[in-house]
Amino acid sequence: LLMLPRVQQNGITVICDLQGTTRNFLRQF
C-alpha cells in the first residue's frame, strides 16, 4: 500500500473486525 501515491499522500483507514476472535487468539496476545 505504501507504494501507492494516494496512500503516501492520504494514508489509510483500517477496519479491524474482531468479531471472529477466539481464545486461540487471546493465548497469543
mmCIF file of all heavy atoms, coordinates in Angstrom:
data_MODEL
# 
_entry.id   MODEL 
# 
loop_
_atom_site.group_PDB 
_atom_site.id 
_atom_site.type_symbol 
_atom_site.label_atom_id 
_atom_site.label_alt_id 
_atom_site.label_comp_id 
_atom_site.label_asym_id 
_atom_site.label_entity_id 
_atom_site.label_seq_id 
_atom_site.pdbx_PDB_ins_code 
_atom_site.Cartn_x 
_atom_site.Cartn_y 
_atom_site.Cartn_z 
_atom_site.occupancy 
_atom_site.B_iso_or_equiv 
_atom_site.pdbx_formal_charge 
_atom_site.auth_seq_id 
_atom_site.auth_comp_id 
_atom_site.auth_asym_id 
_atom_site.auth_atom_id 
_atom_site.pdbx_PDB_model_num 
ATOM 1   N N   . LEU A 1 1  ? 0.826   -1.203  0.000  1.00 0.00 ? 1  LEU A N   1 
ATOM 2   C CA  . LEU A 1 1  ? 0.000   0.000   0.000  1.00 0.00 ? 1  LEU A CA  1 
ATOM 3   C C   . LEU A 1 1  ? 0.865   1.260   0.000  1.00 0.00 ? 1  LEU A C   1 
ATOM 4   O O   . LEU A 1 1  ? 0.519   2.260   -0.635 1.00 0.00 ? 1  LEU A O   1 
ATOM 5   C CB  . LEU A 1 1  ? -0.927  -0.001  1.220  1.00 0.00 ? 1  LEU A CB  1 
ATOM 6   C CG  . LEU A 1 1  ? -1.996  -1.097  1.229  1.00 0.00 ? 1  LEU A CG  1 
ATOM 7   C CD1 . LEU A 1 1  ? -2.802  -1.047  2.522  1.00 0.00 ? 1  LEU A CD1 1 
ATOM 8   C CD2 . LEU A 1 1  ? -2.928  -0.965  0.024  1.00 0.00 ? 1  LEU A CD2 1 
ATOM 9   N N   . LEU A 1 2  ? 1.994   1.197   0.691  1.00 0.00 ? 2  LEU A N   1 
ATOM 10  C CA  . LEU A 1 2  ? 2.880   2.362   0.754  1.00 0.00 ? 2  LEU A CA  1 
ATOM 11  C C   . LEU A 1 2  ? 3.566   2.662   -0.570 1.00 0.00 ? 2  LEU A C   1 
ATOM 12  O O   . LEU A 1 2  ? 4.208   3.708   -0.721 1.00 0.00 ? 2  LEU A O   1 
ATOM 13  C CB  . LEU A 1 2  ? 3.927   2.156   1.857  1.00 0.00 ? 2  LEU A CB  1 
ATOM 14  C CG  . LEU A 1 2  ? 3.413   2.390   3.283  1.00 0.00 ? 2  LEU A CG  1 
ATOM 15  C CD1 . LEU A 1 2  ? 4.354   1.772   4.310  1.00 0.00 ? 2  LEU A CD1 1 
ATOM 16  C CD2 . LEU A 1 2  ? 3.223   3.882   3.546  1.00 0.00 ? 2  LEU A CD2 1 
ATOM 17  N N   . MET A 1 3  ? 3.421   1.771   -1.531 1.00 0.00 ? 3  MET A N   1 
ATOM 18  C CA  . MET A 1 3  ? 3.912   2.041   -2.873 1.00 0.00 ? 3  MET A CA  1 
ATOM 19  C C   . MET A 1 3  ? 2.992   3.005   -3.618 1.00 0.00 ? 3  MET A C   1 
ATOM 20  O O   . MET A 1 3  ? 3.412   3.645   -4.592 1.00 0.00 ? 3  MET A O   1 
ATOM 21  C CB  . MET A 1 3  ? 4.013   0.736   -3.679 1.00 0.00 ? 3  MET A CB  1 
ATOM 22  C CG  . MET A 1 3  ? 5.031   -0.252  -3.152 1.00 0.00 ? 3  MET A CG  1 
ATOM 23  S SD  . MET A 1 3  ? 4.875   -1.860  -3.978 1.00 0.00 ? 3  MET A SD  1 
ATOM 24  C CE  . MET A 1 3  ? 5.182   -1.378  -5.692 1.00 0.00 ? 3  MET A CE  1 
ATOM 25  N N   . LEU A 1 4  ? 1.737   3.118   -3.179 1.00 0.00 ? 4  LEU A N   1 
ATOM 26  C CA  . LEU A 1 4  ? 0.738   3.886   -3.908 1.00 0.00 ? 4  LEU A CA  1 
ATOM 27  C C   . LEU A 1 4  ? 0.807   5.367   -3.552 1.00 0.00 ? 4  LEU A C   1 
ATOM 28  O O   . LEU A 1 4  ? 0.796   5.725   -2.370 1.00 0.00 ? 4  LEU A O   1 
ATOM 29  C CB  . LEU A 1 4  ? -0.668  3.363   -3.592 1.00 0.00 ? 4  LEU A CB  1 
ATOM 30  C CG  . LEU A 1 4  ? -0.913  1.879   -3.873 1.00 0.00 ? 4  LEU A CG  1 
ATOM 31  C CD1 . LEU A 1 4  ? -2.306  1.485   -3.412 1.00 0.00 ? 4  LEU A CD1 1 
ATOM 32  C CD2 . LEU A 1 4  ? -0.730  1.579   -5.360 1.00 0.00 ? 4  LEU A CD2 1 
ATOM 33  N N   . PRO A 1 5  ? 0.878   6.240   -4.536 1.00 0.00 ? 5  PRO A N   1 
ATOM 34  C CA  . PRO A 1 5  ? 0.949   7.680   -4.259 1.00 0.00 ? 5  PRO A CA  1 
ATOM 35  C C   . PRO A 1 5  ? -0.191  8.173   -3.376 1.00 0.00 ? 5  PRO A C   1 
ATOM 36  O O   . PRO A 1 5  ? 0.034   8.986   -2.479 1.00 0.00 ? 5  PRO A O   1 
ATOM 37  C CB  . PRO A 1 5  ? 0.883   8.304   -5.659 1.00 0.00 ? 5  PRO A CB  1 
ATOM 38  C CG  . PRO A 1 5  ? 1.460   7.267   -6.557 1.00 0.00 ? 5  PRO A CG  1 
ATOM 39  C CD  . PRO A 1 5  ? 1.007   5.949   -5.989 1.00 0.00 ? 5  PRO A CD  1 
ATOM 40  N N   . ARG A 1 6  ? -1.420  7.684   -3.601 1.00 0.00 ? 6  ARG A N   1 
ATOM 41  C CA  . ARG A 1 6  ? -2.542  8.187   -2.808 1.00 0.00 ? 6  ARG A CA  1 
ATOM 42  C C   . ARG A 1 6  ? -2.430  7.760   -1.345 1.00 0.00 ? 6  ARG A C   1 
ATOM 43  O O   . ARG A 1 6  ? -2.893  8.466   -0.452 1.00 0.00 ? 6  ARG A O   1 
ATOM 44  C CB  . ARG A 1 6  ? -3.881  7.751   -3.396 1.00 0.00 ? 6  ARG A CB  1 
ATOM 45  C CG  . ARG A 1 6  ? -4.208  6.280   -3.276 1.00 0.00 ? 6  ARG A CG  1 
ATOM 46  C CD  . ARG A 1 6  ? -5.668  6.029   -3.634 1.00 0.00 ? 6  ARG A CD  1 
ATOM 47  N NE  . ARG A 1 6  ? -5.949  6.381   -5.012 1.00 0.00 ? 6  ARG A NE  1 
ATOM 48  C CZ  . ARG A 1 6  ? -7.155  6.725   -5.459 1.00 0.00 ? 6  ARG A CZ  1 
ATOM 49  N NH1 . ARG A 1 6  ? -8.174  6.773   -4.639 1.00 0.00 ? 6  ARG A NH1 1 
ATOM 50  N NH2 . ARG A 1 6  ? -7.339  7.020   -6.726 1.00 0.00 ? 6  ARG A NH2 1 
ATOM 51  N N   . VAL A 1 7  ? -1.806  6.607   -1.098 1.00 0.00 ? 7  VAL A N   1 
ATOM 52  C CA  . VAL A 1 7  ? -1.596  6.171   0.283  1.00 0.00 ? 7  VAL A CA  1 
ATOM 53  C C   . VAL A 1 7  ? -0.490  7.005   0.920  1.00 0.00 ? 7  VAL A C   1 
ATOM 54  O O   . VAL A 1 7  ? -0.595  7.432   2.076  1.00 0.00 ? 7  VAL A O   1 
ATOM 55  C CB  . VAL A 1 7  ? -1.263  4.667   0.358  1.00 0.00 ? 7  VAL A CB  1 
ATOM 56  C CG1 . VAL A 1 7  ? -0.770  4.284   1.745  1.00 0.00 ? 7  VAL A CG1 1 
ATOM 57  C CG2 . VAL A 1 7  ? -2.489  3.843   -0.011 1.00 0.00 ? 7  VAL A CG2 1 
ATOM 58  N N   . GLN A 1 8  ? 0.588   7.249   0.183  1.00 0.00 ? 8  GLN A N   1 
ATOM 59  C CA  . GLN A 1 8  ? 1.656   8.091   0.718  1.00 0.00 ? 8  GLN A CA  1 
ATOM 60  C C   . GLN A 1 8  ? 1.119   9.473   1.085  1.00 0.00 ? 8  GLN A C   1 
ATOM 61  O O   . GLN A 1 8  ? 1.506   10.052  2.102  1.00 0.00 ? 8  GLN A O   1 
ATOM 62  C CB  . GLN A 1 8  ? 2.789   8.219   -0.298 1.00 0.00 ? 8  GLN A CB  1 
ATOM 63  C CG  . GLN A 1 8  ? 3.562   6.925   -0.531 1.00 0.00 ? 8  GLN A CG  1 
ATOM 64  C CD  . GLN A 1 8  ? 4.797   7.131   -1.386 1.00 0.00 ? 8  GLN A CD  1 
ATOM 65  O OE1 . GLN A 1 8  ? 5.166   8.251   -1.722 1.00 0.00 ? 8  GLN A OE1 1 
ATOM 66  N NE2 . GLN A 1 8  ? 5.454   6.035   -1.745 1.00 0.00 ? 8  GLN A NE2 1 
ATOM 67  N N   . GLN A 1 9  ? 0.210   9.980   0.278  1.00 0.00 ? 9  GLN A N   1 
ATOM 68  C CA  . GLN A 1 9  ? -0.313  11.327  0.492  1.00 0.00 ? 9  GLN A CA  1 
ATOM 69  C C   . GLN A 1 9  ? -1.405  11.379  1.560  1.00 0.00 ? 9  GLN A C   1 
ATOM 70  O O   . GLN A 1 9  ? -1.403  12.271  2.413  1.00 0.00 ? 9  GLN A O   1 
ATOM 71  C CB  . GLN A 1 9  ? -0.861  11.882  -0.820 1.00 0.00 ? 9  GLN A CB  1 
ATOM 72  C CG  . GLN A 1 9  ? 0.208   12.119  -1.872 1.00 0.00 ? 9  GLN A CG  1 
ATOM 73  C CD  . GLN A 1 9  ? -0.363  12.290  -3.269 1.00 0.00 ? 9  GLN A CD  1 
ATOM 74  O OE1 . GLN A 1 9  ? -1.575  12.398  -3.445 1.00 0.00 ? 9  GLN A OE1 1 
ATOM 75  N NE2 . GLN A 1 9  ? 0.496   12.305  -4.270 1.00 0.00 ? 9  GLN A NE2 1 
ATOM 76  N N   . ASN A 1 10 ? -2.343  10.412  1.517  1.00 0.00 ? 10 ASN A N   1 
ATOM 77  C CA  . ASN A 1 10 ? -3.549  10.494  2.359  1.00 0.00 ? 10 ASN A CA  1 
ATOM 78  C C   . ASN A 1 10 ? -3.594  9.498   3.508  1.00 0.00 ? 10 ASN A C   1 
ATOM 79  O O   . ASN A 1 10 ? -4.418  9.649   4.408  1.00 0.00 ? 10 ASN A O   1 
ATOM 80  C CB  . ASN A 1 10 ? -4.810  10.293  1.499  1.00 0.00 ? 10 ASN A CB  1 
ATOM 81  C CG  . ASN A 1 10 ? -4.918  11.294  0.372  1.00 0.00 ? 10 ASN A CG  1 
ATOM 82  O OD1 . ASN A 1 10 ? -4.495  12.446  0.514  1.00 0.00 ? 10 ASN A OD1 1 
ATOM 83  N ND2 . ASN A 1 10 ? -5.467  10.868  -0.755 1.00 0.00 ? 10 ASN A ND2 1 
ATOM 84  N N   . GLY A 1 11 ? -2.759  8.457   3.463  1.00 0.00 ? 11 GLY A N   1 
ATOM 85  C CA  . GLY A 1 11 ? -2.801  7.442   4.496  1.00 0.00 ? 11 GLY A CA  1 
ATOM 86  C C   . GLY A 1 11 ? -3.858  6.385   4.225  1.00 0.00 ? 11 GLY A C   1 
ATOM 87  O O   . GLY A 1 11 ? -4.381  6.270   3.107  1.00 0.00 ? 11 GLY A O   1 
ATOM 88  N N   . ILE A 1 12 ? -4.192  5.608   5.250  1.00 0.00 ? 12 ILE A N   1 
ATOM 89  C CA  . ILE A 1 12 ? -5.157  4.524   5.096  1.00 0.00 ? 12 ILE A CA  1 
ATOM 90  C C   . ILE A 1 12 ? -6.165  4.538   6.250  1.00 0.00 ? 12 ILE A C   1 
ATOM 91  O O   . ILE A 1 12 ? -5.902  5.097   7.316  1.00 0.00 ? 12 ILE A O   1 
ATOM 92  C CB  . ILE A 1 12 ? -4.479  3.132   5.061  1.00 0.00 ? 12 ILE A CB  1 
ATOM 93  C CG1 . ILE A 1 12 ? -3.705  2.869   6.356  1.00 0.00 ? 12 ILE A CG1 1 
ATOM 94  C CG2 . ILE A 1 12 ? -3.589  2.992   3.841  1.00 0.00 ? 12 ILE A CG2 1 
ATOM 95  C CD1 . ILE A 1 12 ? -3.155  1.448   6.463  1.00 0.00 ? 12 ILE A CD1 1 
ATOM 96  N N   . THR A 1 13 ? -7.293  3.916   6.002  1.00 0.00 ? 13 THR A N   1 
ATOM 97  C CA  . THR A 1 13 ? -8.273  3.619   7.049  1.00 0.00 ? 13 THR A CA  1 
ATOM 98  C C   . THR A 1 13 ? -8.363  2.109   7.168  1.00 0.00 ? 13 THR A C   1 
ATOM 99  O O   . THR A 1 13 ? -8.512  1.414   6.159  1.00 0.00 ? 13 THR A O   1 
ATOM 100 C CB  . THR A 1 13 ? -9.653  4.202   6.707  1.00 0.00 ? 13 THR A CB  1 
ATOM 101 O OG1 . THR A 1 13 ? -9.576  5.636   6.745  1.00 0.00 ? 13 THR A OG1 1 
ATOM 102 C CG2 . THR A 1 13 ? -10.711 3.742   7.692  1.00 0.00 ? 13 THR A CG2 1 
ATOM 103 N N   . VAL A 1 14 ? -8.229  1.606   8.383  1.00 0.00 ? 14 VAL A N   1 
ATOM 104 C CA  . VAL A 1 14 ? -8.274  0.171   8.622  1.00 0.00 ? 14 VAL A CA  1 
ATOM 105 C C   . VAL A 1 14 ? -9.497  -0.162  9.471  1.00 0.00 ? 14 VAL A C   1 
ATOM 106 O O   . VAL A 1 14 ? -9.701  0.431   10.532 1.00 0.00 ? 14 VAL A O   1 
ATOM 107 C CB  . VAL A 1 14 ? -7.009  -0.326  9.354  1.00 0.00 ? 14 VAL A CB  1 
ATOM 108 C CG1 . VAL A 1 14 ? -7.057  -1.842  9.532  1.00 0.00 ? 14 VAL A CG1 1 
ATOM 109 C CG2 . VAL A 1 14 ? -5.758  0.089   8.597  1.00 0.00 ? 14 VAL A CG2 1 
ATOM 110 N N   . ILE A 1 15 ? -10.307 -1.091  8.992  1.00 0.00 ? 15 ILE A N   1 
ATOM 111 C CA  . ILE A 1 15 ? -11.402 -1.639  9.799  1.00 0.00 ? 15 ILE A CA  1 
ATOM 112 C C   . ILE A 1 15 ? -10.931 -2.983  10.337 1.00 0.00 ? 15 ILE A C   1 
ATOM 113 O O   . ILE A 1 15 ? -10.664 -3.907  9.566  1.00 0.00 ? 15 ILE A O   1 
ATOM 114 C CB  . ILE A 1 15 ? -12.690 -1.809  8.977  1.00 0.00 ? 15 ILE A CB  1 
ATOM 115 C CG1 . ILE A 1 15 ? -13.225 -0.441  8.546  1.00 0.00 ? 15 ILE A CG1 1 
ATOM 116 C CG2 . ILE A 1 15 ? -13.745 -2.562  9.791  1.00 0.00 ? 15 ILE A CG2 1 
ATOM 117 C CD1 . ILE A 1 15 ? -14.475 -0.505  7.678  1.00 0.00 ? 15 ILE A CD1 1 
ATOM 118 N N   . CYS A 1 16 ? -10.778 -3.076  11.651 1.00 0.00 ? 16 CYS A N   1 
ATOM 119 C CA  . CYS A 1 16 ? -10.394 -4.331  12.305 1.00 0.00 ? 16 CYS A CA  1 
ATOM 120 C C   . CYS A 1 16 ? -11.653 -4.972  12.874 1.00 0.00 ? 16 CYS A C   1 
ATOM 121 O O   . CYS A 1 16 ? -12.179 -4.517  13.894 1.00 0.00 ? 16 CYS A O   1 
ATOM 122 C CB  . CYS A 1 16 ? -9.391  -4.076  13.419 1.00 0.00 ? 16 CYS A CB  1 
ATOM 123 S SG  . CYS A 1 16 ? -7.791  -3.525  12.858 1.00 0.00 ? 16 CYS A SG  1 
ATOM 124 N N   . ASP A 1 17 ? -12.116 -6.001  12.209 1.00 0.00 ? 17 ASP A N   1 
ATOM 125 C CA  . ASP A 1 17 ? -13.320 -6.712  12.648 1.00 0.00 ? 17 ASP A CA  1 
ATOM 126 C C   . ASP A 1 17 ? -12.887 -7.844  13.575 1.00 0.00 ? 17 ASP A C   1 
ATOM 127 O O   . ASP A 1 17 ? -12.393 -8.884  13.133 1.00 0.00 ? 17 ASP A O   1 
ATOM 128 C CB  . ASP A 1 17 ? -14.066 -7.254  11.427 1.00 0.00 ? 17 ASP A CB  1 
ATOM 129 C CG  . ASP A 1 17 ? -15.391 -7.898  11.793 1.00 0.00 ? 17 ASP A CG  1 
ATOM 130 O OD1 . ASP A 1 17 ? -15.599 -8.185  12.984 1.00 0.00 ? 17 ASP A OD1 1 
ATOM 131 O OD2 . ASP A 1 17 ? -16.203 -8.122  10.876 1.00 0.00 ? 17 ASP A OD2 1 
ATOM 132 N N   . LEU A 1 18 ? -13.078 -7.646  14.875 1.00 0.00 ? 18 LEU A N   1 
ATOM 133 C CA  . LEU A 1 18 ? -12.644 -8.618  15.878 1.00 0.00 ? 18 LEU A CA  1 
ATOM 134 C C   . LEU A 1 18 ? -13.742 -9.603  16.267 1.00 0.00 ? 18 LEU A C   1 
ATOM 135 O O   . LEU A 1 18 ? -13.588 -10.338 17.248 1.00 0.00 ? 18 LEU A O   1 
ATOM 136 C CB  . LEU A 1 18 ? -12.161 -7.882  17.136 1.00 0.00 ? 18 LEU A CB  1 
ATOM 137 C CG  . LEU A 1 18 ? -11.041 -6.863  16.937 1.00 0.00 ? 18 LEU A CG  1 
ATOM 138 C CD1 . LEU A 1 18 ? -10.626 -6.276  18.290 1.00 0.00 ? 18 LEU A CD1 1 
ATOM 139 C CD2 . LEU A 1 18 ? -9.847  -7.483  16.232 1.00 0.00 ? 18 LEU A CD2 1 
ATOM 140 N N   . GLN A 1 19 ? -14.828 -9.633  15.509 1.00 0.00 ? 19 GLN A N   1 
ATOM 141 C CA  . GLN A 1 19 ? -15.964 -10.470 15.887 1.00 0.00 ? 19 GLN A CA  1 
ATOM 142 C C   . GLN A 1 19 ? -15.662 -11.960 15.769 1.00 0.00 ? 19 GLN A C   1 
ATOM 143 O O   . GLN A 1 19 ? -16.383 -12.793 16.324 1.00 0.00 ? 19 GLN A O   1 
ATOM 144 C CB  . GLN A 1 19 ? -17.193 -10.106 15.039 1.00 0.00 ? 19 GLN A CB  1 
ATOM 145 C CG  . GLN A 1 19 ? -17.664 -8.678  15.295 1.00 0.00 ? 19 GLN A CG  1 
ATOM 146 C CD  . GLN A 1 19 ? -18.865 -8.297  14.458 1.00 0.00 ? 19 GLN A CD  1 
ATOM 147 O OE1 . GLN A 1 19 ? -19.998 -8.347  14.917 1.00 0.00 ? 19 GLN A OE1 1 
ATOM 148 N NE2 . GLN A 1 19 ? -18.626 -7.909  13.216 1.00 0.00 ? 19 GLN A NE2 1 
ATOM 149 N N   . GLY A 1 20 ? -14.574 -12.309 15.065 1.00 0.00 ? 20 GLY A N   1 
ATOM 150 C CA  . GLY A 1 20 ? -14.192 -13.715 14.950 1.00 0.00 ? 20 GLY A CA  1 
ATOM 151 C C   . GLY A 1 20 ? -13.120 -14.127 15.947 1.00 0.00 ? 20 GLY A C   1 
ATOM 152 O O   . GLY A 1 20 ? -12.534 -15.203 15.840 1.00 0.00 ? 20 GLY A O   1 
ATOM 153 N N   . THR A 1 21 ? -12.849 -13.265 16.914 1.00 0.00 ? 21 THR A N   1 
ATOM 154 C CA  . THR A 1 21 ? -11.812 -13.565 17.912 1.00 0.00 ? 21 THR A CA  1 
ATOM 155 C C   . THR A 1 21 ? -12.186 -14.782 18.747 1.00 0.00 ? 21 THR A C   1 
ATOM 156 O O   . THR A 1 21 ? -13.321 -14.915 19.202 1.00 0.00 ? 21 THR A O   1 
ATOM 157 C CB  . THR A 1 21 ? -11.600 -12.353 18.838 1.00 0.00 ? 21 THR A CB  1 
ATOM 158 O OG1 . THR A 1 21 ? -11.224 -11.229 18.051 1.00 0.00 ? 21 THR A OG1 1 
ATOM 159 C CG2 . THR A 1 21 ? -10.502 -12.637 19.853 1.00 0.00 ? 21 THR A CG2 1 
ATOM 160 N N   . THR A 1 22 ? -11.225 -15.677 18.950 1.00 0.00 ? 22 THR A N   1 
ATOM 161 C CA  . THR A 1 22 ? -11.415 -16.859 19.783 1.00 0.00 ? 22 THR A CA  1 
ATOM 162 C C   . THR A 1 22 ? -10.335 -16.884 20.866 1.00 0.00 ? 22 THR A C   1 
ATOM 163 O O   . THR A 1 22 ? -9.409  -16.090 20.857 1.00 0.00 ? 22 THR A O   1 
ATOM 164 C CB  . THR A 1 22 ? -11.298 -18.149 18.943 1.00 0.00 ? 22 THR A CB  1 
ATOM 165 O OG1 . THR A 1 22 ? -9.947  -18.234 18.434 1.00 0.00 ? 22 THR A OG1 1 
ATOM 166 C CG2 . THR A 1 22 ? -12.277 -18.152 17.773 1.00 0.00 ? 22 THR A CG2 1 
ATOM 167 N N   . ARG A 1 23 ? -10.447 -17.840 21.765 1.00 0.00 ? 23 ARG A N   1 
ATOM 168 C CA  . ARG A 1 23 ? -9.434  -17.982 22.812 1.00 0.00 ? 23 ARG A CA  1 
ATOM 169 C C   . ARG A 1 23 ? -8.069  -18.337 22.233 1.00 0.00 ? 23 ARG A C   1 
ATOM 170 O O   . ARG A 1 23 ? -7.039  -18.058 22.846 1.00 0.00 ? 23 ARG A O   1 
ATOM 171 C CB  . ARG A 1 23 ? -9.887  -19.029 23.827 1.00 0.00 ? 23 ARG A CB  1 
ATOM 172 C CG  . ARG A 1 23 ? -10.992 -18.531 24.743 1.00 0.00 ? 23 ARG A CG  1 
ATOM 173 C CD  . ARG A 1 23 ? -11.439 -19.566 25.764 1.00 0.00 ? 23 ARG A CD  1 
ATOM 174 N NE  . ARG A 1 23 ? -12.357 -18.981 26.726 1.00 0.00 ? 23 ARG A NE  1 
ATOM 175 C CZ  . ARG A 1 23 ? -13.653 -18.789 26.515 1.00 0.00 ? 23 ARG A CZ  1 
ATOM 176 N NH1 . ARG A 1 23 ? -14.173 -19.133 25.346 1.00 0.00 ? 23 ARG A NH1 1 
ATOM 177 N NH2 . ARG A 1 23 ? -14.424 -18.249 27.438 1.00 0.00 ? 23 ARG A NH2 1 
ATOM 178 N N   . ASN A 1 24 ? -8.047  -18.945 21.046 1.00 0.00 ? 24 ASN A N   1 
ATOM 179 C CA  . ASN A 1 24 ? -6.762  -19.239 20.398 1.00 0.00 ? 24 ASN A CA  1 
ATOM 180 C C   . ASN A 1 24 ? -5.994  -17.968 20.099 1.00 0.00 ? 24 ASN A C   1 
ATOM 181 O O   . ASN A 1 24 ? -4.756  -17.935 20.189 1.00 0.00 ? 24 ASN A O   1 
ATOM 182 C CB  . ASN A 1 24 ? -6.983  -20.031 19.111 1.00 0.00 ? 24 ASN A CB  1 
ATOM 183 C CG  . ASN A 1 24 ? -7.358  -21.471 19.369 1.00 0.00 ? 24 ASN A CG  1 
ATOM 184 O OD1 . ASN A 1 24 ? -6.960  -22.044 20.386 1.00 0.00 ? 24 ASN A OD1 1 
ATOM 185 N ND2 . ASN A 1 24 ? -8.122  -22.056 18.465 1.00 0.00 ? 24 ASN A ND2 1 
ATOM 186 N N   . PHE A 1 25 ? -6.715  -16.904 19.737 1.00 0.00 ? 25 PHE A N   1 
ATOM 187 C CA  . PHE A 1 25 ? -6.061  -15.615 19.516 1.00 0.00 ? 25 PHE A CA  1 
ATOM 188 C C   . PHE A 1 25 ? -5.583  -15.028 20.848 1.00 0.00 ? 25 PHE A C   1 
ATOM 189 O O   . PHE A 1 25 ? -4.460  -14.543 20.955 1.00 0.00 ? 25 PHE A O   1 
ATOM 190 C CB  . PHE A 1 25 ? -7.025  -14.630 18.850 1.00 0.00 ? 25 PHE A CB  1 
ATOM 191 C CG  . PHE A 1 25 ? -7.098  -14.755 17.361 1.00 0.00 ? 25 PHE A CG  1 
ATOM 192 C CD1 . PHE A 1 25 ? -8.201  -15.340 16.755 1.00 0.00 ? 25 PHE A CD1 1 
ATOM 193 C CD2 . PHE A 1 25 ? -6.079  -14.280 16.553 1.00 0.00 ? 25 PHE A CD2 1 
ATOM 194 C CE1 . PHE A 1 25 ? -8.272  -15.458 15.379 1.00 0.00 ? 25 PHE A CE1 1 
ATOM 195 C CE2 . PHE A 1 25 ? -6.141  -14.390 15.168 1.00 0.00 ? 25 PHE A CE2 1 
ATOM 196 C CZ  . PHE A 1 25 ? -7.241  -14.984 14.582 1.00 0.00 ? 25 PHE A CZ  1 
ATOM 197 N N   . LEU A 1 26 ? -6.448  -15.070 21.849 1.00 0.00 ? 26 LEU A N   1 
ATOM 198 C CA  . LEU A 1 26 ? -6.108  -14.445 23.126 1.00 0.00 ? 26 LEU A CA  1 
ATOM 199 C C   . LEU A 1 26 ? -4.862  -15.064 23.742 1.00 0.00 ? 26 LEU A C   1 
ATOM 200 O O   . LEU A 1 26 ? -4.096  -14.369 24.416 1.00 0.00 ? 26 LEU A O   1 
ATOM 201 C CB  . LEU A 1 26 ? -7.290  -14.568 24.098 1.00 0.00 ? 26 LEU A CB  1 
ATOM 202 C CG  . LEU A 1 26 ? -8.570  -13.820 23.694 1.00 0.00 ? 26 LEU A CG  1 
ATOM 203 C CD1 . LEU A 1 26 ? -9.638  -13.999 24.759 1.00 0.00 ? 26 LEU A CD1 1 
ATOM 204 C CD2 . LEU A 1 26 ? -8.295  -12.343 23.459 1.00 0.00 ? 26 LEU A CD2 1 
ATOM 205 N N   . ARG A 1 27 ? -4.636  -16.348 23.496 1.00 0.00 ? 27 ARG A N   1 
ATOM 206 C CA  . ARG A 1 27 ? -3.453  -17.015 24.035 1.00 0.00 ? 27 ARG A CA  1 
ATOM 207 C C   . ARG A 1 27 ? -2.162  -16.427 23.471 1.00 0.00 ? 27 ARG A C   1 
ATOM 208 O O   . ARG A 1 27 ? -1.097  -16.551 24.060 1.00 0.00 ? 27 ARG A O   1 
ATOM 209 C CB  . ARG A 1 27 ? -3.502  -18.517 23.733 1.00 0.00 ? 27 ARG A CB  1 
ATOM 210 C CG  . ARG A 1 27 ? -4.595  -19.267 24.479 1.00 0.00 ? 27 ARG A CG  1 
ATOM 211 C CD  . ARG A 1 27 ? -4.448  -20.774 24.301 1.00 0.00 ? 27 ARG A CD  1 
ATOM 212 N NE  . ARG A 1 27 ? -5.596  -21.476 24.843 1.00 0.00 ? 27 ARG A NE  1 
ATOM 213 C CZ  . ARG A 1 27 ? -6.600  -21.988 24.125 1.00 0.00 ? 27 ARG A CZ  1 
ATOM 214 N NH1 . ARG A 1 27 ? -6.578  -21.868 22.807 1.00 0.00 ? 27 ARG A NH1 1 
ATOM 215 N NH2 . ARG A 1 27 ? -7.601  -22.607 24.702 1.00 0.00 ? 27 ARG A NH2 1 
ATOM 216 N N   . GLN A 1 28 ? -2.254  -15.821 22.295 1.00 0.00 ? 28 GLN A N   1 
ATOM 217 C CA  . GLN A 1 28 ? -1.060  -15.278 21.635 1.00 0.00 ? 28 GLN A CA  1 
ATOM 218 C C   . GLN A 1 28 ? -0.699  -13.877 22.124 1.00 0.00 ? 28 GLN A C   1 
ATOM 219 O O   . GLN A 1 28 ? 0.424   -13.424 21.946 1.00 0.00 ? 28 GLN A O   1 
ATOM 220 C CB  . GLN A 1 28 ? -1.281  -15.214 20.114 1.00 0.00 ? 28 GLN A CB  1 
ATOM 221 C CG  . GLN A 1 28 ? -1.856  -16.471 19.478 1.00 0.00 ? 28 GLN A CG  1 
ATOM 222 C CD  . GLN A 1 28 ? -0.909  -17.646 19.558 1.00 0.00 ? 28 GLN A CD  1 
ATOM 223 O OE1 . GLN A 1 28 ? 0.308   -17.485 19.489 1.00 0.00 ? 28 GLN A OE1 1 
ATOM 224 N NE2 . GLN A 1 28 ? -1.458  -18.848 19.705 1.00 0.00 ? 28 GLN A NE2 1 
ATOM 225 N N   . PHE A 1 29 ? -1.675  -13.189 22.712 1.00 0.00 ? 29 PHE A N   1 
ATOM 226 C CA  . PHE A 1 29 ? -1.515  -11.762 22.980 1.00 0.00 ? 29 PHE A CA  1 
ATOM 227 C C   . PHE A 1 29 ? -0.881  -11.508 24.348 1.00 0.00 ? 29 PHE A C   1 
ATOM 228 O O   . PHE A 1 29 ? -1.505  -10.965 25.250 1.00 0.00 ? 29 PHE A O   1 
ATOM 229 C CB  . PHE A 1 29 ? -2.869  -11.049 22.874 1.00 0.00 ? 29 PHE A CB  1 
ATOM 230 C CG  . PHE A 1 29 ? -3.503  -11.137 21.513 1.00 0.00 ? 29 PHE A CG  1 
ATOM 231 C CD1 . PHE A 1 29 ? -4.875  -11.023 21.362 1.00 0.00 ? 29 PHE A CD1 1 
ATOM 232 C CD2 . PHE A 1 29 ? -2.727  -11.332 20.374 1.00 0.00 ? 29 PHE A CD2 1 
ATOM 233 C CE1 . PHE A 1 29 ? -5.468  -11.102 20.114 1.00 0.00 ? 29 PHE A CE1 1 
ATOM 234 C CE2 . PHE A 1 29 ? -3.310  -11.415 19.121 1.00 0.00 ? 29 PHE A CE2 1 
ATOM 235 C CZ  . PHE A 1 29 ? -4.678  -11.300 18.987 1.00 0.00 ? 29 PHE A CZ  1 
# 
